[in-house]
Amino acid sequence: MRIGFDAKRLFQNATGLGNYSRTLVANLHKYHPEHDIHLYAPKLVKNERTLPFFNKEYKPFSPSGIAKLGWRSMGVVKALKNDGIELYHGLSHELPIGIKNSGLKTVVTIHDLLYKYFPEDFPLFDRLIYDNKFRFACEHSDKIIAISNATKQDIMEHYKVPEDKIQVIYQTVSPEFSREISDFDAEEVIRKYALPSEYILNVGSIIRRKNLEIVIVAMAMMQPKDRMPLVIVGTGGTYATIIDQLVEKHKLKDWIIRITGPKLEELNILYRKSHFSVYPSLMEGFGLPVLESIMTQTPVITTRRSSLIEAGGDIAHYINGENAEELSVKMMELTYKAKQIGDPKNIKKHLDRFDAKKLTEQLNDLYLANA
């Protein structure tokens, strides 16, 4: 089948939607090389993450000059028809407006509706744009992929989409997180980031919804002898400033290490060398850092919220996302335990739900059924 993908995020986003797009497309090619894959993006960014997709097997395409203006919403449809695309997959919440009367078969992935629940994390103009784009995509796609059951329920509630139009296909984890690390590589990363021998890890954007402040407050409740340093991997704006002020208020500056933009292989090492990770998000479309923790054999504390229970299964440790004292007790409990994640059989059973080949087969079946 000749399949077209909206590849803007694939080429332009380093994390999040970019990782989802790159992993999905790479897995489809790996397990179903019979498909003819075309990648459409307003800009083709070449870096270590995107380099494999410049291969002729993926057929990347970007317009030039003035044609770029509005191309992703309208002009791309002409390119799809010229290339004989049989099915188009919008990988990040939207479909081009021109798809409406084109006759092309379409699939769209909806990751989350977080802007409806945490408006403070999104400017008003962005929320209005998202609502229009998401609603259009849900109405005009032939099939919707939700990356979790929690997201599926939100789509049904907010956009009144019939349940049989939505299929849950979980997000897969980059194969990098399955790779065992060498002592040499680990020492290189520890030296590069000046890491202590033991630390706690937090991975994610520094925004209100990710709830990093509860970790800072929980650490402040602990005696210095009971604490481990906290390594924060992520960036943020206004909320990051609030976190900095909170760290200053509780005199925890010497306990915090900030890292931005690590390579995937470095992130794998950061997980594996941490004593445990903490991800107290108040809501997620999926919650990839929870699954990354489990895949790297790292104990993880998260919240009993939305899709995080799906990502963490029976393996993660759960807290109330608004109870710093509960988090403090759980952090201290794991601090004094040897690093252990649980029964290997249970872990394998949980990770099998997110097996790349199984999820790609679900995706391929959906394509074939809707082409």
Protein backbone atom coordinates (compact mmCIF):
# COMPACT_ATOMS: atom_id res chain seq x y z
CA MET A 1 0.00 0.00 0.00
CA ARG A 2 1.17 3.55 -0.70
CA ILE A 3 0.85 5.41 2.62
CA GLY A 4 1.42 9.12 3.24
CA PHE A 5 2.31 10.52 6.66
CA ASP A 6 2.13 14.02 8.08
CA ALA A 7 5.82 14.14 9.05
CA LYS A 8 6.15 17.67 10.43
CA ARG A 9 6.77 16.42 13.97
CA LEU A 10 8.94 13.57 12.74
CA PHE A 11 11.42 16.04 11.25
CA GLN A 12 11.01 19.01 13.59
CA ASN A 13 10.31 17.72 17.12
CA ALA A 14 13.11 16.23 19.22
CA THR A 15 10.81 14.58 21.79
CA GLY A 16 7.13 13.78 22.34
CA LEU A 17 5.22 13.79 19.06
CA GLY A 18 8.51 13.54 17.18
CA ASN A 19 9.47 10.33 18.94
CA TYR A 20 6.00 8.89 18.37
CA SER A 21 6.18 9.67 14.65
CA ARG A 22 9.71 8.35 14.13
CA THR A 23 9.09 5.14 16.07
CA LEU A 24 5.77 4.38 14.34
CA VAL A 25 7.11 4.96 10.82
CA ALA A 26 10.36 3.07 11.46
CA ASN A 27 8.49 0.11 12.93
CA LEU A 28 6.06 0.00 10.02
CA HIS A 29 8.97 -0.13 7.56
CA LYS A 30 10.78 -2.75 9.66
CA TYR A 31 7.85 -5.15 10.00
CA HIS A 32 6.00 -4.35 6.76
CA PRO A 33 8.57 -3.28 4.16
CA GLU A 34 6.03 -4.02 1.43
CA HIS A 35 4.41 -0.62 2.06
CA ASP A 36 5.48 2.39 0.02
CA ILE A 37 6.03 5.12 2.64
CA HIS A 38 5.92 8.85 1.79
CA LEU A 39 6.74 11.54 4.37
CA TYR A 40 5.28 15.03 3.93
CA ALA A 41 6.61 17.96 5.96
CA PRO A 42 6.79 21.74 5.47
CA LYS A 43 10.46 21.58 6.47
CA LEU A 44 12.92 18.69 6.41
CA VAL A 45 15.30 19.00 9.37
CA LYS A 46 18.36 16.77 9.24
CA ASN A 47 19.91 15.63 12.52
CA GLU A 48 20.93 12.38 14.21
CA ARG A 49 17.29 11.50 14.98
CA THR A 50 15.91 12.22 11.52
CA LEU A 51 18.84 11.13 9.34
CA PRO A 52 17.48 7.58 8.71
CA PHE A 53 14.30 9.08 7.20
CA PHE A 54 16.19 10.78 4.39
CA ASN A 55 16.72 7.29 2.98
CA LYS A 56 14.99 6.70 -0.36
CA GLU A 57 12.88 4.00 1.33
CA TYR A 58 10.91 6.74 3.08
CA LYS A 59 10.53 9.29 0.24
CA PRO A 60 10.54 12.55 2.22
CA PHE A 61 8.98 15.58 0.52
CA SER A 62 8.84 19.29 1.37
CA PRO A 63 7.58 22.23 -0.75
CA SER A 64 9.86 25.10 -1.66
CA GLY A 65 9.51 28.86 -1.65
CA ILE A 66 6.12 30.51 -1.28
CA ALA A 67 4.39 27.14 -1.66
CA LYS A 68 5.22 26.49 2.01
CA LEU A 69 2.58 28.99 3.12
CA GLY A 70 -0.46 27.04 4.27
CA TRP A 71 0.85 23.97 2.47
CA ARG A 72 0.26 21.60 5.38
CA SER A 73 -3.42 22.58 5.46
CA MET A 74 -4.14 22.73 1.75
CA GLY A 75 -1.28 22.17 -0.70
CA VAL A 76 -0.26 18.80 0.66
CA VAL A 77 -3.47 17.26 -0.69
CA LYS A 78 -2.33 17.95 -4.25
CA ALA A 79 1.00 16.25 -3.50
CA LEU A 80 -0.83 13.24 -2.04
CA LYS A 81 -2.90 12.85 -5.20
CA ASN A 82 0.11 13.33 -7.48
CA ASP A 83 1.93 10.57 -5.60
CA GLY A 84 -1.01 8.17 -5.74
CA ILE A 85 -1.35 7.93 -1.98
CA GLU A 86 -3.95 5.36 -0.95
CA LEU A 87 -4.15 6.29 2.74
CA TYR A 88 -2.98 9.35 4.66
CA HIS A 89 -2.12 9.25 8.38
CA GLY A 90 -2.07 12.47 10.39
CA LEU A 91 0.35 11.55 13.17
CA SER A 92 -0.29 14.53 15.42
CA HIS A 93 -3.94 15.44 15.95
CA GLU A 94 -4.75 16.98 12.58
CA LEU A 95 -5.63 16.50 8.94
CA PRO A 96 -5.30 19.03 6.11
CA ILE A 97 -8.46 21.06 5.48
CA GLY A 98 -8.28 20.16 1.80
CA ILE A 99 -8.73 16.47 2.63
CA LYS A 100 -12.46 16.99 3.24
CA ASN A 101 -13.68 16.41 -0.33
CA SER A 102 -10.58 14.74 -1.74
CA GLY A 103 -11.80 11.15 -1.59
CA LEU A 104 -8.56 10.11 0.16
CA LYS A 105 -8.79 7.59 2.98
CA THR A 106 -7.52 8.99 6.28
CA VAL A 107 -6.40 8.01 9.76
CA VAL A 108 -5.53 10.47 12.52
CA THR A 109 -3.79 9.92 15.84
CA ILE A 110 -5.15 11.89 18.79
CA HIS A 111 -2.62 11.85 21.62
CA ASP A 112 -4.47 13.85 24.26
CA LEU A 113 -6.91 16.67 24.94
CA LEU A 114 -4.76 18.21 27.65
CA TYR A 115 -5.43 21.77 26.55
CA LYS A 116 -9.02 21.33 27.76
CA TYR A 117 -7.95 20.27 31.25
CA PHE A 118 -4.86 22.45 31.78
CA PRO A 119 -5.59 25.71 29.92
CA GLU A 120 -2.86 27.50 31.91
CA ASP A 121 -0.26 25.48 29.98
CA PHE A 122 -1.59 26.71 26.62
CA PRO A 123 -2.11 30.29 25.34
CA LEU A 124 -5.73 31.13 24.47
CA PHE A 125 -5.00 31.41 20.73
CA ASP A 126 -3.35 27.98 20.74
CA ARG A 127 -6.33 26.44 22.54
CA LEU A 128 -8.73 27.81 19.93
CA ILE A 129 -6.57 26.52 17.09
CA TYR A 130 -6.21 23.09 18.72
CA ASP A 131 -9.96 22.78 19.28
CA ASN A 132 -10.74 23.57 15.65
CA LYS A 133 -8.06 21.25 14.27
CA PHE A 134 -8.86 18.36 16.60
CA ARG A 135 -12.60 18.62 15.97
CA PHE A 136 -12.10 18.74 12.19
CA ALA A 137 -9.77 15.72 12.28
CA CYS A 138 -12.19 13.70 14.39
CA GLU A 139 -15.13 14.54 12.13
CA HIS A 140 -13.43 13.95 8.78
CA SER A 141 -11.08 11.01 9.41
CA ASP A 142 -12.13 7.49 8.50
CA LYS A 143 -10.52 6.15 11.66
CA ILE A 144 -9.08 7.64 14.84
CA ILE A 145 -6.16 6.15 16.76
CA ALA A 146 -6.08 7.01 20.47
CA ILE A 147 -2.80 6.28 22.24
CA SER A 148 -4.57 5.19 25.44
CA ASN A 149 -8.01 4.23 26.70
CA ALA A 150 -8.02 7.45 28.74
CA THR A 151 -7.59 9.49 25.55
CA LYS A 152 -10.29 7.44 23.83
CA GLN A 153 -12.77 8.32 26.57
CA ASP A 154 -11.86 12.01 26.30
CA ILE A 155 -12.41 12.00 22.53
CA MET A 156 -15.80 10.40 22.95
CA GLU A 157 -16.80 12.85 25.68
CA HIS A 158 -15.61 16.11 24.13
CA TYR A 159 -16.16 15.46 20.41
CA LYS A 160 -19.09 13.01 20.59
CA VAL A 161 -17.26 10.51 18.38
CA PRO A 162 -18.85 7.02 18.22
CA GLU A 163 -16.78 4.42 20.02
CA ASP A 164 -16.39 2.16 16.99
CA LYS A 165 -14.58 4.92 15.09
CA ILE A 166 -11.74 4.95 17.63
CA GLN A 167 -9.09 2.27 18.08
CA VAL A 168 -6.58 2.29 20.92
CA ILE A 169 -3.06 1.52 19.73
CA TYR A 170 -0.50 2.21 22.41
CA GLN A 171 2.64 4.20 21.85
CA THR A 172 5.80 2.12 21.59
CA VAL A 173 9.08 2.91 23.32
CA SER A 174 12.24 3.56 21.36
CA PRO A 175 14.33 0.35 21.10
CA GLU A 176 17.19 2.35 22.60
CA PHE A 177 15.68 1.79 26.06
CA SER A 178 16.02 -1.98 25.66
CA ARG A 179 19.76 -1.70 25.12
CA GLU A 180 21.98 -2.79 27.99
CA ILE A 181 24.68 -0.26 28.81
CA SER A 182 28.40 -0.76 29.22
CA ASP A 183 30.35 0.49 32.25
CA PHE A 184 32.43 2.66 29.95
CA ASP A 185 29.40 4.40 28.39
CA ALA A 186 27.81 4.89 31.81
CA GLU A 187 30.97 6.44 33.23
CA GLU A 188 31.18 8.80 30.26
CA VAL A 189 27.65 10.10 30.88
CA ILE A 190 28.19 10.36 34.65
CA ARG A 191 31.34 12.36 34.03
CA LYS A 192 29.74 14.56 31.35
CA TYR A 193 26.88 15.63 33.60
CA ALA A 194 28.83 15.49 36.91
CA LEU A 195 26.33 13.06 38.42
CA PRO A 196 26.54 11.67 41.96
CA SER A 197 26.75 7.93 42.57
CA GLU A 198 23.06 7.83 43.56
CA TYR A 199 20.24 10.06 42.41
CA ILE A 200 16.52 10.28 41.62
CA LEU A 201 15.42 11.05 38.07
CA ASN A 202 12.60 13.22 36.72
CA VAL A 203 12.06 13.35 32.93
CA GLY A 204 9.59 15.65 31.20
CA SER A 205 8.73 19.20 30.20
CA ILE A 206 8.74 21.61 33.13
CA ILE A 207 5.12 22.73 32.95
CA ARG A 208 2.33 22.91 35.51
CA ARG A 209 0.69 19.65 34.48
CA LYS A 210 3.88 17.67 35.04
CA ASN A 211 3.63 18.69 38.70
CA LEU A 212 7.35 18.91 39.48
CA GLU A 213 6.64 21.21 42.42
CA ILE A 214 5.27 18.31 44.46
CA VAL A 215 8.65 16.59 44.18
CA ILE A 216 10.44 19.70 45.47
CA VAL A 217 8.00 20.03 48.38
CA ALA A 218 8.34 16.30 49.17
CA MET A 219 12.13 16.62 49.24
CA ALA A 220 11.85 19.61 51.58
CA MET A 221 9.85 17.45 53.99
CA MET A 222 12.68 14.92 54.19
CA GLN A 223 15.71 15.14 56.44
CA PRO A 224 18.96 15.71 54.49
CA LYS A 225 20.18 12.24 55.52
CA ASP A 226 17.12 10.70 53.84
CA ARG A 227 17.43 12.59 50.54
CA MET A 228 19.03 11.73 47.24
CA PRO A 229 19.89 14.42 44.68
CA LEU A 230 17.23 15.01 42.03
CA VAL A 231 18.26 15.04 38.36
CA ILE A 232 15.72 16.97 36.27
CA VAL A 233 15.75 16.31 32.52
CA GLY A 234 13.62 18.86 30.69
CA THR A 235 13.00 22.49 29.87
CA GLY A 236 10.27 24.98 30.61
CA GLY A 237 9.25 28.64 30.73
CA THR A 238 7.21 30.39 33.42
CA TYR A 239 6.64 27.25 35.45
CA ALA A 240 10.38 26.48 35.41
CA THR A 241 10.92 29.86 37.07
CA ILE A 242 8.37 28.93 39.73
CA ILE A 243 10.28 25.69 40.34
CA ASP A 244 13.55 27.61 40.66
CA GLN A 245 11.94 29.90 43.25
CA LEU A 246 10.59 26.90 45.15
CA VAL A 247 14.04 25.28 45.18
CA GLU A 248 15.51 28.53 46.50
CA LYS A 249 12.79 28.86 49.15
CA HIS A 250 13.46 25.38 50.52
CA LYS A 251 17.25 25.73 50.24
CA LEU A 252 17.51 22.72 47.93
CA LYS A 253 19.76 24.21 45.26
CA ASP A 254 22.62 21.85 46.13
CA TRP A 255 20.28 18.87 45.72
CA ILE A 256 19.15 19.68 42.16
CA ILE A 257 20.92 18.86 38.88
CA ARG A 258 19.44 20.15 35.60
CA ILE A 259 20.05 18.45 32.24
CA THR A 260 18.63 19.57 28.89
CA GLY A 261 18.64 17.81 25.54
CA PRO A 262 20.41 14.51 26.25
CA LYS A 263 20.74 12.03 23.41
CA LEU A 264 18.48 8.96 23.58
CA GLU A 265 21.42 6.72 24.45
CA GLU A 266 22.32 9.10 27.27
CA LEU A 267 18.75 9.13 28.54
CA ASN A 268 18.78 5.33 28.62
CA ILE A 269 21.87 5.52 30.83
CA LEU A 270 20.35 8.24 33.04
CA TYR A 271 17.39 5.95 33.74
CA ARG A 272 19.50 2.86 34.36
CA LYS A 273 21.92 4.59 36.72
CA SER A 274 19.20 6.32 38.77
CA HIS A 275 17.95 4.73 41.99
CA PHE A 276 14.37 5.38 40.91
CA SER A 277 12.41 7.87 38.81
CA VAL A 278 9.49 10.06 39.79
CA TYR A 279 6.82 11.26 37.36
CA PRO A 280 3.95 12.86 39.32
CA SER A 281 2.02 14.19 36.30
CA LEU A 282 -1.58 15.21 36.87
CA MET A 283 -2.69 14.03 33.43
CA GLU A 284 -1.19 12.43 30.32
CA GLY A 285 -2.23 11.17 26.94
CA PHE A 286 0.00 8.20 27.68
CA GLY A 287 2.96 8.82 30.03
CA LEU A 288 6.00 7.55 28.15
CA PRO A 289 8.56 8.21 30.94
CA VAL A 290 6.72 5.69 33.11
CA LEU A 291 7.09 2.98 30.47
CA GLU A 292 10.69 4.02 29.74
CA SER A 293 11.46 3.58 33.43
CA ILE A 294 10.00 0.09 33.49
CA MET A 295 11.80 -0.88 30.30
CA THR A 296 15.12 0.25 31.80
CA GLN A 297 14.47 -1.73 35.00
CA THR A 298 14.04 1.46 37.00
CA PRO A 299 11.43 1.72 39.79
CA VAL A 300 9.03 4.59 39.09
CA ILE A 301 6.64 6.63 41.20
CA THR A 302 3.69 8.14 39.35
CA THR A 303 0.10 9.18 40.01
CA ARG A 304 -3.22 7.37 39.90
CA ARG A 305 -4.33 9.56 37.02
CA SER A 306 -5.69 9.02 33.49
CA SER A 307 -3.45 6.89 31.26
CA LEU A 308 -0.59 6.69 33.77
CA ILE A 309 -2.22 3.60 35.26
CA GLU A 310 -2.18 2.01 31.79
CA ALA A 311 1.51 2.85 31.32
CA GLY A 312 2.51 1.73 34.81
CA GLY A 313 0.30 -1.34 35.25
CA ASP A 314 1.08 -3.33 38.38
CA ILE A 315 4.76 -2.37 38.22
CA ALA A 316 4.75 1.35 39.06
CA HIS A 317 4.35 2.84 42.55
CA TYR A 318 1.34 5.15 42.77
CA ILE A 319 0.56 8.26 44.80
CA ASN A 320 -2.09 10.95 44.96
CA GLY A 321 -0.71 13.67 42.69
CA GLU A 322 -1.66 16.39 45.18
CA ASN A 323 -0.26 14.82 48.35
CA ALA A 324 3.38 15.81 48.89
CA GLU A 325 3.55 13.98 52.20
CA GLU A 326 2.53 10.69 50.56
CA LEU A 327 5.17 11.23 47.89
CA SER A 328 7.79 12.04 50.54
CA VAL A 329 7.07 8.78 52.36
CA LYS A 330 7.20 6.77 49.11
CA MET A 331 10.46 8.42 48.03
CA MET A 332 12.06 7.67 51.39
CA GLU A 333 10.85 4.07 51.20
CA LEU A 334 12.49 3.55 47.80
CA THR A 335 15.62 5.44 48.85
CA TYR A 336 16.34 2.88 51.56
CA LYS A 337 15.51 -0.12 49.39
CA ALA A 338 17.95 -1.81 47.08
CA LYS A 339 17.12 -0.89 43.49
CA GLN A 340 14.58 -3.48 42.41
CA ILE A 341 11.60 -3.15 40.13
CA GLY A 342 9.65 -6.35 40.76
CA ASP A 343 8.98 -9.87 39.51
CA PRO A 344 10.59 -10.32 36.05
CA LYS A 345 7.57 -12.36 34.88
CA ASN A 346 5.18 -9.53 35.77
CA ILE A 347 7.43 -6.99 34.08
CA LYS A 348 7.63 -9.07 30.92
CA LYS A 349 3.86 -9.54 30.89
CA HIS A 350 3.36 -5.80 31.21
CA LEU A 351 5.92 -4.88 28.56
CA ASP A 352 4.43 -7.43 26.15
CA ARG A 353 1.39 -5.14 25.87
CA PHE A 354 3.67 -2.53 24.32
CA ASP A 355 5.71 -4.81 22.10
CA ALA A 356 6.67 -2.95 18.93
CA LYS A 357 5.82 -5.82 16.58
CA LYS A 358 2.40 -6.44 18.15
CA LEU A 359 1.47 -2.77 18.03
CA THR A 360 2.69 -2.46 14.45
CA GLU A 361 0.51 -5.42 13.47
CA GLN A 362 -2.48 -3.64 15.00
CA LEU A 363 -1.59 -0.55 12.98
CA ASN A 364 -1.14 -2.51 9.76
CA ASP A 365 -4.48 -4.28 10.24
CA LEU A 366 -6.16 -0.90 10.73
CA TYR A 367 -4.58 0.44 7.51
CA LEU A 368 -5.65 -2.58 5.48
CA ALA A 369 -9.20 -2.44 6.85
CA ASN A 370 -9.61 1.25 6.01
CA ALA A 371 -7.77 1.57 2.70
